[in-house]
Amino acid sequence: MTSTGVNVSDYAKTSVTSNQKRNKPSIPPVMLTSAFQVLRYSALFAGVSYGLYRQSNLNAQSHKAKVDRDYAHQASLISQAKAEFKKKNTPPETATKGGNDPSDPKFDLEGYLTALMGEKAT
């Protein structure tokens, strides 16, 4: 028989080394210096503080916008109510019986002149 070029001893060595890698104790985590810990927690605190500040500003802006919308709505309701009140309480226009057209058979000259004098007086 001819050899295929695979040495059995090489195979055994590789399997042992892979088993040894699995059974090695884990390396403890690197101990960080106290200055680095202070830096980490300072960054965390700064991030949380900025988040609270930003959220507070956003809430204040939305509250102000809501107040402005409510005020504008109230103002529009008041102006609508004033217009309705004015339309309801204004006296109807007094028109002459025959209108303002002299060629109309129902034309009232006295009413026309009275209305014309009333407009000039005011």
C-alpha atoms as a PDB file:
ATOM      1  CA  MET A   1       0.000   0.000   0.000  1.00  0.00           C
ATOM      2  CA  THR A   2       1.027   3.413  -0.695  1.00  0.00           C
ATOM      3  CA  SER A   3       0.848   6.194   1.810  1.00  0.00           C
ATOM      4  CA  THR A   4      -1.576   9.026   1.127  1.00  0.00           C
ATOM      5  CA  GLY A   5       0.660  11.534   2.760  1.00  0.00           C
ATOM      6  CA  VAL A   6      -1.324  11.797   5.992  1.00  0.00           C
ATOM      7  CA  ASN A   7       0.706  10.986   9.019  1.00  0.00           C
ATOM      8  CA  VAL A   8      -1.331   9.505  11.867  1.00  0.00           C
ATOM      9  CA  SER A   9       0.860  11.096  14.470  1.00  0.00           C
ATOM     10  CA  ASP A  10       0.164  14.557  13.001  1.00  0.00           C
ATOM     11  CA  TYR A  11      -3.579  13.941  13.290  1.00  0.00           C
ATOM     12  CA  ALA A  12      -3.260  12.864  16.896  1.00  0.00           C
ATOM     13  CA  LYS A  13      -1.246  15.978  17.727  1.00  0.00           C
ATOM     14  CA  THR A  14      -3.853  18.294  16.245  1.00  0.00           C
ATOM     15  CA  SER A  15      -6.686  16.651  18.122  1.00  0.00           C
ATOM     16  CA  VAL A  16      -4.802  16.927  21.377  1.00  0.00           C
ATOM     17  CA  THR A  17      -3.999  20.562  20.831  1.00  0.00           C
ATOM     18  CA  SER A  18      -7.636  21.365  20.051  1.00  0.00           C
ATOM     19  CA  ASN A  19      -8.714  19.573  23.238  1.00  0.00           C
ATOM     20  CA  GLN A  20      -6.129  21.485  25.186  1.00  0.00           C
ATOM     21  CA  LYS A  21      -7.487  24.749  23.837  1.00  0.00           C
ATOM     22  CA  ARG A  22     -10.958  23.840  25.032  1.00  0.00           C
ATOM     23  CA  ASN A  23      -9.816  22.909  28.509  1.00  0.00           C
ATOM     24  CA  LYS A  24      -7.674  25.979  29.112  1.00  0.00           C
ATOM     25  CA  PRO A  25      -8.880  28.146  31.966  1.00  0.00           C
ATOM     26  CA  SER A  26     -10.409  31.424  30.862  1.00  0.00           C
ATOM     27  CA  ILE A  27      -8.293  34.518  31.053  1.00  0.00           C
ATOM     28  CA  PRO A  28      -9.564  36.922  33.719  1.00  0.00           C
ATOM     29  CA  PRO A  29     -10.824  40.259  32.398  1.00  0.00           C
ATOM     30  CA  VAL A  30      -8.374  43.098  32.263  1.00  0.00           C
ATOM     31  CA  MET A  31      -8.575  45.236  35.344  1.00  0.00           C
ATOM     32  CA  LEU A  32      -9.367  48.801  34.403  1.00  0.00           C
ATOM     33  CA  THR A  33      -7.721  51.695  36.134  1.00  0.00           C
ATOM     34  CA  SER A  34      -9.745  53.895  38.437  1.00  0.00           C
ATOM     35  CA  ALA A  35      -9.209  56.912  36.161  1.00  0.00           C
ATOM     36  CA  PHE A  36     -10.761  54.999  33.263  1.00  0.00           C
ATOM     37  CA  GLN A  37     -13.697  53.962  35.474  1.00  0.00           C
ATOM     38  CA  VAL A  38     -14.241  57.604  36.448  1.00  0.00           C
ATOM     39  CA  LEU A  39     -14.167  58.569  32.775  1.00  0.00           C
ATOM     40  CA  ARG A  40     -16.706  55.865  31.857  1.00  0.00           C
ATOM     41  CA  TYR A  41     -19.165  56.834  34.577  1.00  0.00           C
ATOM     42  CA  SER A  42     -18.691  60.537  33.879  1.00  0.00           C
ATOM     43  CA  ALA A  43     -19.592  59.941  30.233  1.00  0.00           C
ATOM     44  CA  LEU A  44     -22.605  57.893  31.295  1.00  0.00           C
ATOM     45  CA  PHE A  45     -23.764  60.621  33.675  1.00  0.00           C
ATOM     46  CA  ALA A  46     -23.227  63.306  31.025  1.00  0.00           C
ATOM     47  CA  GLY A  47     -25.290  61.321  28.504  1.00  0.00           C
ATOM     48  CA  VAL A  48     -28.150  60.776  30.916  1.00  0.00           C
ATOM     49  CA  SER A  49     -28.075  64.445  31.952  1.00  0.00           C
ATOM     50  CA  TYR A  50     -28.172  65.616  28.343  1.00  0.00           C
ATOM     51  CA  GLY A  51     -31.040  63.228  27.612  1.00  0.00           C
ATOM     52  CA  LEU A  52     -33.069  64.609  30.517  1.00  0.00           C
ATOM     53  CA  TYR A  53     -32.293  68.188  29.461  1.00  0.00           C
ATOM     54  CA  ARG A  54     -33.278  67.510  25.853  1.00  0.00           C
ATOM     55  CA  GLN A  55     -36.494  65.714  26.853  1.00  0.00           C
ATOM     56  CA  SER A  56     -37.398  68.620  29.122  1.00  0.00           C
ATOM     57  CA  ASN A  57     -36.902  71.111  26.267  1.00  0.00           C
ATOM     58  CA  LEU A  58     -38.983  69.029  23.865  1.00  0.00           C
ATOM     59  CA  ASN A  59     -41.797  68.740  26.399  1.00  0.00           C
ATOM     60  CA  ALA A  60     -41.721  72.493  27.030  1.00  0.00           C
ATOM     61  CA  GLN A  61     -41.878  73.233  23.290  1.00  0.00           C
ATOM     62  CA  SER A  62     -44.809  70.885  22.753  1.00  0.00           C
ATOM     63  CA  HIS A  63     -46.651  72.347  25.762  1.00  0.00           C
ATOM     64  CA  LYS A  64     -46.109  75.896  24.435  1.00  0.00           C
ATOM     65  CA  ALA A  65     -47.359  74.875  20.985  1.00  0.00           C
ATOM     66  CA  LYS A  66     -50.464  73.296  22.543  1.00  0.00           C
ATOM     67  CA  VAL A  67     -51.179  76.456  24.562  1.00  0.00           C
ATOM     68  CA  ASP A  68     -50.771  78.583  21.422  1.00  0.00           C
ATOM     69  CA  ARG A  69     -53.149  76.313  19.455  1.00  0.00           C
ATOM     70  CA  ASP A  70     -55.714  76.456  22.260  1.00  0.00           C
ATOM     71  CA  TYR A  71     -55.445  80.260  22.434  1.00  0.00           C
ATOM     72  CA  ALA A  72     -55.868  80.610  18.659  1.00  0.00           C
ATOM     73  CA  HIS A  73     -58.890  78.292  18.776  1.00  0.00           C
ATOM     74  CA  GLN A  74     -60.474  80.322  21.575  1.00  0.00           C
ATOM     75  CA  ALA A  75     -59.810  83.560  19.659  1.00  0.00           C
ATOM     76  CA  SER A  76     -61.466  82.156  16.527  1.00  0.00           C
ATOM     77  CA  LEU A  77     -64.473  81.032  18.570  1.00  0.00           C
ATOM     78  CA  ILE A  78     -64.792  84.512  20.083  1.00  0.00           C
ATOM     79  CA  SER A  79     -64.578  86.197  16.672  1.00  0.00           C
ATOM     80  CA  GLN A  80     -67.222  83.798  15.300  1.00  0.00           C
ATOM     81  CA  ALA A  81     -69.491  84.552  18.259  1.00  0.00           C
ATOM     82  CA  LYS A  82     -69.039  88.300  17.750  1.00  0.00           C
ATOM     83  CA  ALA A  83     -69.911  87.979  14.061  1.00  0.00           C
ATOM     84  CA  GLU A  84     -73.014  85.929  14.864  1.00  0.00           C
ATOM     85  CA  PHE A  85     -74.066  88.415  17.554  1.00  0.00           C
ATOM     86  CA  LYS A  86     -73.603  91.345  15.170  1.00  0.00           C
ATOM     87  CA  LYS A  87     -75.535  89.582  12.428  1.00  0.00           C
ATOM     88  CA  LYS A  88     -78.342  88.686  14.848  1.00  0.00           C
ATOM     89  CA  ASN A  89     -78.684  92.093  16.502  1.00  0.00           C
ATOM     90  CA  THR A  90     -78.272  94.507  13.604  1.00  0.00           C
ATOM     91  CA  PRO A  91     -81.579  96.014  12.540  1.00  0.00           C
ATOM     92  CA  PRO A  92     -82.701  95.170   9.039  1.00  0.00           C
ATOM     93  CA  GLU A  93     -81.960  97.778   6.440  1.00  0.00           C
ATOM     94  CA  THR A  94     -84.840 100.149   5.845  1.00  0.00           C
ATOM     95  CA  ALA A  95     -85.421 100.275   2.172  1.00  0.00           C
ATOM     96  CA  THR A  96     -87.896 102.468   0.434  1.00  0.00           C
ATOM     97  CA  LYS A  97     -91.111 100.848  -0.623  1.00  0.00           C
ATOM     98  CA  GLY A  98     -90.487 101.189  -4.308  1.00  0.00           C
ATOM     99  CA  GLY A  99     -86.738 100.803  -4.277  1.00  0.00           C
ATOM    100  CA  ASN A 100     -84.280 103.338  -5.629  1.00  0.00           C
ATOM    101  CA  ASP A 101     -85.260 103.111  -9.274  1.00  0.00           C
ATOM    102  CA  PRO A 102     -87.328 106.187 -10.339  1.00  0.00           C
ATOM    103  CA  SER A 103     -88.760 104.303 -13.337  1.00  0.00           C
ATOM    104  CA  ASP A 104     -90.346 101.735 -10.990  1.00  0.00           C
ATOM    105  CA  PRO A 105     -94.118 102.295 -10.627  1.00  0.00           C
ATOM    106  CA  LYS A 106     -93.859 101.738  -6.857  1.00  0.00           C
ATOM    107  CA  PHE A 107     -91.098 104.351  -6.439  1.00  0.00           C
ATOM    108  CA  ASP A 108     -91.583 106.474  -3.299  1.00  0.00           C
ATOM    109  CA  LEU A 109     -89.965 109.873  -3.770  1.00  0.00           C
ATOM    110  CA  GLU A 110     -90.542 110.973  -0.171  1.00  0.00           C
ATOM    111  CA  GLY A 111     -88.960 107.770   1.251  1.00  0.00           C
ATOM    112  CA  TYR A 112     -86.045 108.085  -1.128  1.00  0.00           C
ATOM    113  CA  LEU A 113     -85.379 111.711  -0.154  1.00  0.00           C
ATOM    114  CA  THR A 114     -85.708 110.914   3.541  1.00  0.00           C
ATOM    115  CA  ALA A 115     -83.224 108.048   3.234  1.00  0.00           C
ATOM    116  CA  LEU A 116     -80.894 110.257   1.205  1.00  0.00           C
ATOM    117  CA  MET A 117     -81.024 113.036   3.846  1.00  0.00           C
ATOM    118  CA  GLY A 118     -80.383 110.487   6.598  1.00  0.00           C
ATOM    119  CA  GLU A 119     -77.246 109.275   4.825  1.00  0.00           C
ATOM    120  CA  LYS A 120     -75.944 112.835   4.363  1.00  0.00           C
ATOM    121  CA  ALA A 121     -76.555 113.676   8.025  1.00  0.00           C
ATOM    122  CA  THR A 122     -74.338 110.894   9.226  1.00  0.00           C
END
